[in-house]
């Protein structure tokens, strides 16, 4: 399948989430790019979010029912893992994550629950270990703090669209990958000057500090000026105020911004950089890696992964077929 979420789709580096070879994205009007180069395969250099009519609201009833139906581990499985045993004895899973990612982990201020693709996975993991998906404690993280909350034992795990890189693997360990992405370029909907990656030359480009964006922009467009921000909101605010010309970060996050702000942004259909495998952060050399990988394999094999994708992403972007998840334990990491 080649669809919106083929930024994640393939097992060996093909672009996923509709970014690779997609003809169009229903409701978003997004035109895809080449499987091999990440460059535009159509005459249109970019597409607008102004045609979006997909609901930005997740189906909370379907989501909650799916999580509540998640499997639970038996005592022997828990006892075989030091990491899982610690969580079980504490009676809660301490998660590093976010509350502001439209598709991956968004707080509903009415019922005070977070829902999304990442949120669903850590809630399913909570249920798997503790038998109750509500027994987690969520600590807000940024790109800059994801490693430190693990190394300081503030959390047991991090779920935050967390790219697996060689440099990070020296500090922490990763389970997964469970998803993949590439870098996308977001501009204001009114911007007609930037239609390709090369148009960033001489421009001021926002990127999140601690993410892979700054080094990738410097490599691909050395004459661009990179301005770093701590959060996605700060970077997009700078874009909206005209303090930067474009914003570079994982295309999955860009898609979420477009869904929740129809007509405000334009996403170029040229994606760049290595395929980013998203992993689940764990303490360095923790046996939790094997435990969480086994959990991930179970939710993929029983269809829960695909159902969660459909509710959290597919139904909200007009897509009807879930992508193939990446092979667990198989990563191709960048070294920047």
Foldseek 3Di string as FASTA:
>chain_A
DAAQQQCFFDQPFFGHRNQDPHCAFPQQRWGHDHRPALARPDPALWDARQSHPFDLDFPVVLLVVLLLPAAAADPVLQVVFPLLVVCQVVQAFEEEEAQVQSAAWHADPVVRGIAHLLLSLQLSVRCRRNVGSVRYHYDYDWLVCQLVCQVVVVGAKYRYLAFDAPVSLVRWDWWFLFGKFFKWKKAWLPDPQDRDLQSQAQFEEEEAPNAPPPVFNCVPHVNHHYDYDGHPVVRVVCRQVVVGGIYMDTVSSVVSVSLVPRNTMMIGSRTDDGITGGTMTGGRPGPVNVSSNVVSVVCLVVVSSFSSCCRSPVSRRVHDGGHHGHDIPDDDHDHD
